[in-house]
Structures are given as structure tokens and as C-alpha cells.
N, C-alpha and C. Protein backbone atom coordinates (compact mmCIF):
# COMPACT_ATOMS: atom_id res chain seq x y z
N MET A 1 4.85 5.98 1.83
CA MET A 1 3.88 6.21 2.88
C MET A 1 2.65 6.87 2.26
N SER A 2 1.50 6.53 2.76
CA SER A 2 0.25 7.08 2.28
C SER A 2 -0.24 8.18 3.20
N THR A 3 -1.05 9.07 2.67
CA THR A 3 -1.69 10.12 3.46
C THR A 3 -3.01 9.60 3.99
N VAL A 4 -3.30 9.90 5.26
CA VAL A 4 -4.57 9.51 5.85
C VAL A 4 -5.40 10.75 6.12
N ILE A 5 -6.63 10.76 5.65
CA ILE A 5 -7.55 11.86 5.90
C ILE A 5 -8.71 11.29 6.71
N SER A 6 -8.95 11.87 7.88
CA SER A 6 -10.01 11.39 8.76
C SER A 6 -11.24 12.25 8.63
N ARG A 7 -12.39 11.62 8.64
CA ARG A 7 -13.65 12.36 8.66
C ARG A 7 -14.30 12.10 10.00
N VAL A 8 -14.46 13.16 10.77
CA VAL A 8 -15.14 13.09 12.06
C VAL A 8 -16.16 14.21 12.06
N GLY A 9 -17.44 13.86 12.01
CA GLY A 9 -18.47 14.89 11.90
C GLY A 9 -18.29 15.63 10.59
N PRO A 10 -18.44 16.96 10.61
CA PRO A 10 -18.35 17.72 9.37
C PRO A 10 -16.93 18.14 9.01
N THR A 11 -15.89 17.71 9.77
CA THR A 11 -14.53 18.18 9.52
C THR A 11 -13.63 17.03 9.06
N TYR A 12 -12.50 17.39 8.45
CA TYR A 12 -11.54 16.42 7.96
C TYR A 12 -10.17 16.76 8.56
N ASN A 13 -9.44 15.73 9.01
CA ASN A 13 -8.10 15.90 9.54
C ASN A 13 -7.14 15.12 8.66
N ILE A 14 -5.99 15.72 8.34
CA ILE A 14 -5.02 15.06 7.46
C ILE A 14 -3.79 14.68 8.27
N GLY A 15 -3.33 13.42 8.12
CA GLY A 15 -2.14 12.94 8.81
C GLY A 15 -1.38 11.98 7.94
N LEU A 16 -0.29 11.43 8.46
CA LEU A 16 0.54 10.54 7.67
C LEU A 16 0.71 9.17 8.31
N SER A 17 -0.23 8.71 9.10
CA SER A 17 -0.15 7.39 9.69
C SER A 17 -1.36 6.58 9.25
N PHE A 18 -1.27 5.26 9.42
CA PHE A 18 -2.37 4.41 8.98
C PHE A 18 -2.65 3.34 10.02
N GLN A 19 -3.90 3.18 10.38
CA GLN A 19 -4.37 2.09 11.21
C GLN A 19 -5.64 1.57 10.54
N PRO A 20 -5.75 0.25 10.30
CA PRO A 20 -6.94 -0.28 9.64
C PRO A 20 -8.23 0.06 10.36
N VAL A 21 -8.23 -0.04 11.68
CA VAL A 21 -9.39 0.35 12.47
C VAL A 21 -8.88 1.13 13.66
N GLU A 22 -9.44 2.30 13.90
CA GLU A 22 -8.98 3.16 14.98
C GLU A 22 -10.09 3.28 16.02
N LEU A 23 -9.71 3.09 17.28
CA LEU A 23 -10.67 3.24 18.37
C LEU A 23 -10.57 4.66 18.91
N SER A 24 -11.68 5.33 18.99
CA SER A 24 -11.74 6.69 19.49
C SER A 24 -12.89 6.74 20.50
N GLY A 25 -12.55 6.54 21.78
CA GLY A 25 -13.61 6.43 22.77
C GLY A 25 -14.38 5.15 22.50
N ASP A 26 -15.67 5.25 22.34
CA ASP A 26 -16.51 4.09 22.04
C ASP A 26 -16.74 3.92 20.55
N ILE A 27 -16.12 4.77 19.74
CA ILE A 27 -16.36 4.75 18.29
C ILE A 27 -15.23 3.99 17.59
N VAL A 28 -15.58 3.09 16.72
CA VAL A 28 -14.60 2.42 15.87
C VAL A 28 -14.62 3.13 14.53
N ARG A 29 -13.47 3.69 14.15
CA ARG A 29 -13.38 4.41 12.88
C ARG A 29 -12.69 3.50 11.87
N ARG A 30 -13.38 3.17 10.81
CA ARG A 30 -12.82 2.32 9.77
C ARG A 30 -11.92 3.14 8.84
N SER A 31 -11.03 2.44 8.17
CA SER A 31 -10.17 3.06 7.17
C SER A 31 -10.48 2.46 5.81
N TYR A 32 -10.55 3.31 4.81
CA TYR A 32 -10.78 2.89 3.44
C TYR A 32 -9.67 3.46 2.56
N ARG A 33 -9.21 2.67 1.63
CA ARG A 33 -8.16 3.12 0.71
C ARG A 33 -8.79 3.76 -0.52
N ILE A 34 -8.16 4.84 -0.98
CA ILE A 34 -8.51 5.41 -2.28
C ILE A 34 -7.21 5.62 -3.05
N VAL A 35 -7.31 5.49 -4.36
CA VAL A 35 -6.15 5.63 -5.24
C VAL A 35 -6.43 6.74 -6.23
N LEU A 36 -5.49 7.69 -6.33
CA LEU A 36 -5.59 8.81 -7.27
C LEU A 36 -4.66 8.53 -8.45
N GLU A 37 -5.20 8.63 -9.67
CA GLU A 37 -4.43 8.43 -10.89
C GLU A 37 -4.86 9.47 -11.91
N LYS A 38 -3.94 9.88 -12.77
CA LYS A 38 -4.31 10.79 -13.86
C LYS A 38 -4.76 9.97 -15.06
N ASP A 39 -5.83 10.44 -15.72
CA ASP A 39 -6.26 9.77 -16.93
C ASP A 39 -5.59 10.42 -18.14
N GLU A 40 -5.93 9.94 -19.32
CA GLU A 40 -5.28 10.43 -20.55
C GLU A 40 -5.59 11.90 -20.84
N ASP A 41 -6.66 12.43 -20.25
CA ASP A 41 -7.02 13.83 -20.45
C ASP A 41 -6.46 14.74 -19.36
N GLY A 42 -5.71 14.16 -18.40
CA GLY A 42 -5.10 14.96 -17.34
C GLY A 42 -5.98 15.12 -16.10
N ARG A 43 -7.18 14.55 -16.12
CA ARG A 43 -8.05 14.62 -14.94
C ARG A 43 -7.57 13.62 -13.89
N VAL A 44 -7.84 13.91 -12.63
CA VAL A 44 -7.45 13.02 -11.53
C VAL A 44 -8.64 12.11 -11.23
N VAL A 45 -8.43 10.81 -11.42
CA VAL A 45 -9.47 9.81 -11.20
C VAL A 45 -9.22 9.15 -9.84
N VAL A 46 -10.32 8.95 -9.09
CA VAL A 46 -10.24 8.34 -7.76
C VAL A 46 -11.05 7.05 -7.76
N ARG A 47 -10.43 5.98 -7.26
CA ARG A 47 -11.12 4.71 -7.09
C ARG A 47 -10.81 4.19 -5.69
N SER A 48 -11.72 3.40 -5.15
CA SER A 48 -11.49 2.76 -3.86
C SER A 48 -11.52 1.25 -4.03
N PRO A 49 -10.41 0.57 -3.71
CA PRO A 49 -10.43 -0.89 -3.76
C PRO A 49 -11.25 -1.49 -2.62
N ASP A 50 -11.56 -0.69 -1.60
CA ASP A 50 -12.30 -1.18 -0.43
C ASP A 50 -13.80 -0.96 -0.52
N LEU A 51 -14.23 0.01 -1.31
CA LEU A 51 -15.65 0.34 -1.40
C LEU A 51 -16.08 0.29 -2.86
N GLN A 52 -16.68 -0.82 -3.25
CA GLN A 52 -17.15 -0.96 -4.62
C GLN A 52 -18.15 0.15 -4.92
N GLY A 53 -17.98 0.79 -6.05
CA GLY A 53 -18.87 1.87 -6.46
C GLY A 53 -18.27 3.25 -6.28
N VAL A 54 -17.14 3.35 -5.57
CA VAL A 54 -16.50 4.65 -5.41
C VAL A 54 -15.53 4.86 -6.57
N VAL A 55 -16.00 5.60 -7.56
CA VAL A 55 -15.20 6.01 -8.71
C VAL A 55 -15.65 7.42 -9.05
N THR A 56 -14.71 8.36 -9.02
CA THR A 56 -15.04 9.74 -9.34
C THR A 56 -13.79 10.40 -9.88
N ASP A 57 -13.88 11.67 -10.23
CA ASP A 57 -12.71 12.38 -10.73
C ASP A 57 -12.82 13.85 -10.43
N GLY A 58 -11.79 14.59 -10.82
CA GLY A 58 -11.77 16.03 -10.65
C GLY A 58 -10.73 16.64 -11.57
N ALA A 59 -10.83 17.93 -11.78
CA ALA A 59 -9.87 18.63 -12.64
C ALA A 59 -8.48 18.66 -12.01
N ASN A 60 -8.42 18.60 -10.67
CA ASN A 60 -7.15 18.59 -9.96
C ASN A 60 -7.30 17.69 -8.73
N GLU A 61 -6.22 17.53 -7.97
CA GLU A 61 -6.25 16.63 -6.82
C GLU A 61 -7.26 17.08 -5.75
N ASN A 62 -7.30 18.37 -5.46
CA ASN A 62 -8.24 18.86 -4.45
C ASN A 62 -9.69 18.58 -4.83
N GLU A 63 -10.04 18.86 -6.07
CA GLU A 63 -11.41 18.61 -6.52
C GLU A 63 -11.71 17.11 -6.50
N ALA A 64 -10.75 16.30 -6.91
CA ALA A 64 -10.94 14.86 -6.91
C ALA A 64 -11.15 14.32 -5.49
N LEU A 65 -10.38 14.85 -4.52
CA LEU A 65 -10.55 14.41 -3.13
C LEU A 65 -11.91 14.82 -2.58
N GLN A 66 -12.34 16.03 -2.88
CA GLN A 66 -13.66 16.48 -2.43
C GLN A 66 -14.75 15.58 -3.01
N ASN A 67 -14.64 15.27 -4.29
CA ASN A 67 -15.60 14.38 -4.93
C ASN A 67 -15.54 12.97 -4.33
N ALA A 68 -14.33 12.54 -3.94
CA ALA A 68 -14.17 11.22 -3.32
C ALA A 68 -14.91 11.16 -1.99
N PHE A 69 -14.78 12.23 -1.17
CA PHE A 69 -15.52 12.25 0.09
C PHE A 69 -17.02 12.14 -0.15
N GLU A 70 -17.51 12.87 -1.13
CA GLU A 70 -18.95 12.81 -1.43
C GLU A 70 -19.35 11.40 -1.87
N ALA A 71 -18.52 10.77 -2.70
CA ALA A 71 -18.83 9.42 -3.17
C ALA A 71 -18.78 8.41 -2.03
N VAL A 72 -17.76 8.51 -1.17
CA VAL A 72 -17.65 7.60 -0.03
C VAL A 72 -18.84 7.79 0.90
N ASN A 73 -19.18 9.04 1.21
CA ASN A 73 -20.32 9.31 2.09
C ASN A 73 -21.61 8.72 1.52
N ALA A 74 -21.81 8.86 0.21
CA ALA A 74 -23.03 8.33 -0.42
C ALA A 74 -23.08 6.80 -0.31
N ILE A 75 -21.95 6.14 -0.56
CA ILE A 75 -21.91 4.67 -0.47
C ILE A 75 -22.16 4.23 0.97
N LEU A 76 -21.50 4.89 1.93
CA LEU A 76 -21.68 4.51 3.34
C LEU A 76 -23.12 4.72 3.79
N GLU A 77 -23.71 5.83 3.36
CA GLU A 77 -25.11 6.10 3.72
C GLU A 77 -26.04 5.05 3.13
N THR A 78 -25.81 4.71 1.87
CA THR A 78 -26.63 3.70 1.20
C THR A 78 -26.53 2.35 1.91
N ARG A 79 -25.34 2.03 2.41
CA ARG A 79 -25.12 0.74 3.07
C ARG A 79 -25.40 0.78 4.57
N GLY A 80 -25.75 1.95 5.09
CA GLY A 80 -26.04 2.07 6.51
C GLY A 80 -24.82 1.95 7.41
N LEU A 81 -23.65 2.33 6.88
CA LEU A 81 -22.40 2.25 7.64
C LEU A 81 -22.06 3.60 8.26
N PRO A 82 -21.27 3.60 9.36
CA PRO A 82 -20.90 4.87 10.01
C PRO A 82 -20.13 5.79 9.08
N LYS A 83 -20.36 7.10 9.24
CA LYS A 83 -19.71 8.09 8.39
C LYS A 83 -18.50 8.72 9.06
N GLU A 84 -17.96 8.10 10.08
CA GLU A 84 -16.69 8.54 10.65
C GLU A 84 -15.65 7.53 10.20
N TYR A 85 -14.65 8.00 9.45
CA TYR A 85 -13.71 7.08 8.83
C TYR A 85 -12.40 7.79 8.50
N ASN A 86 -11.42 6.99 8.15
CA ASN A 86 -10.15 7.47 7.62
C ASN A 86 -10.09 7.07 6.15
N LEU A 87 -9.58 7.97 5.33
CA LEU A 87 -9.26 7.62 3.94
C LEU A 87 -7.74 7.58 3.82
N THR A 88 -7.23 6.48 3.35
CA THR A 88 -5.80 6.36 3.08
C THR A 88 -5.61 6.61 1.60
N VAL A 89 -4.89 7.69 1.28
CA VAL A 89 -4.75 8.15 -0.10
C VAL A 89 -3.43 7.69 -0.67
N SER A 90 -3.48 6.95 -1.77
CA SER A 90 -2.28 6.58 -2.53
C SER A 90 -2.32 7.35 -3.83
N ARG A 91 -1.19 7.94 -4.18
CA ARG A 91 -1.11 8.72 -5.41
C ARG A 91 -0.29 7.99 -6.46
N ARG A 92 -0.85 7.89 -7.63
CA ARG A 92 -0.14 7.34 -8.80
C ARG A 92 -0.25 8.39 -9.90
N LEU A 93 0.20 9.60 -9.57
CA LEU A 93 0.07 10.72 -10.48
C LEU A 93 1.39 10.96 -11.18
N SER A 94 1.43 10.71 -12.46
CA SER A 94 2.64 11.00 -13.22
C SER A 94 2.33 12.11 -14.21
N ALA A 95 3.33 12.92 -14.45
CA ALA A 95 3.12 14.09 -15.32
C ALA A 95 2.99 13.70 -16.76
């Protein structure tokens, strides 16, 4: 099962369910997948198979997720897409 993190306004909600598109009142909230993997130096790398251009990293998972939100927001803003969304997080982190 994947973790879902929702962005609504300036806040984030974390849950464990997934819906490709979620209706919330009159707002359609899209879902985008991100994948967390450790690189050879131990940093956590984040990529999105759904949003070309979203590639970032962090020293740990929390930093990598924060950087992922910033990268997703920048891509969505550049493309003129809504900034209310769910991120479905898949982890491929091996020690």
C-alpha cells in the first residue's frame, strides 16, 4: 500500500488510501505518484512518473518529501495546473 499526502491550500494531510481523482465539493483533486529511492551516497531521491521534470533529493525522507512538494508545485505552476493534489508515495528504500 502507498501513502497518500494531500495538498489543500497551505496544509498537507497524510493518509493511506488512493483515488486517481478525488472530488471535493466543486474541486477535482488530481493524484500524482512519486517514488523515493536511496542513491549510492545514501541520499533519498524523488522522481514522479506522472510529472516530467520532478526529480529532487534530500538527506533524509522528510527533506526529500519537502523538496518534492516544492518541485511539484513549481511544475504545476509552470503548467498552469491546480495546486490542490494528492501525492501517492512509493518507497524503494533499502538499507
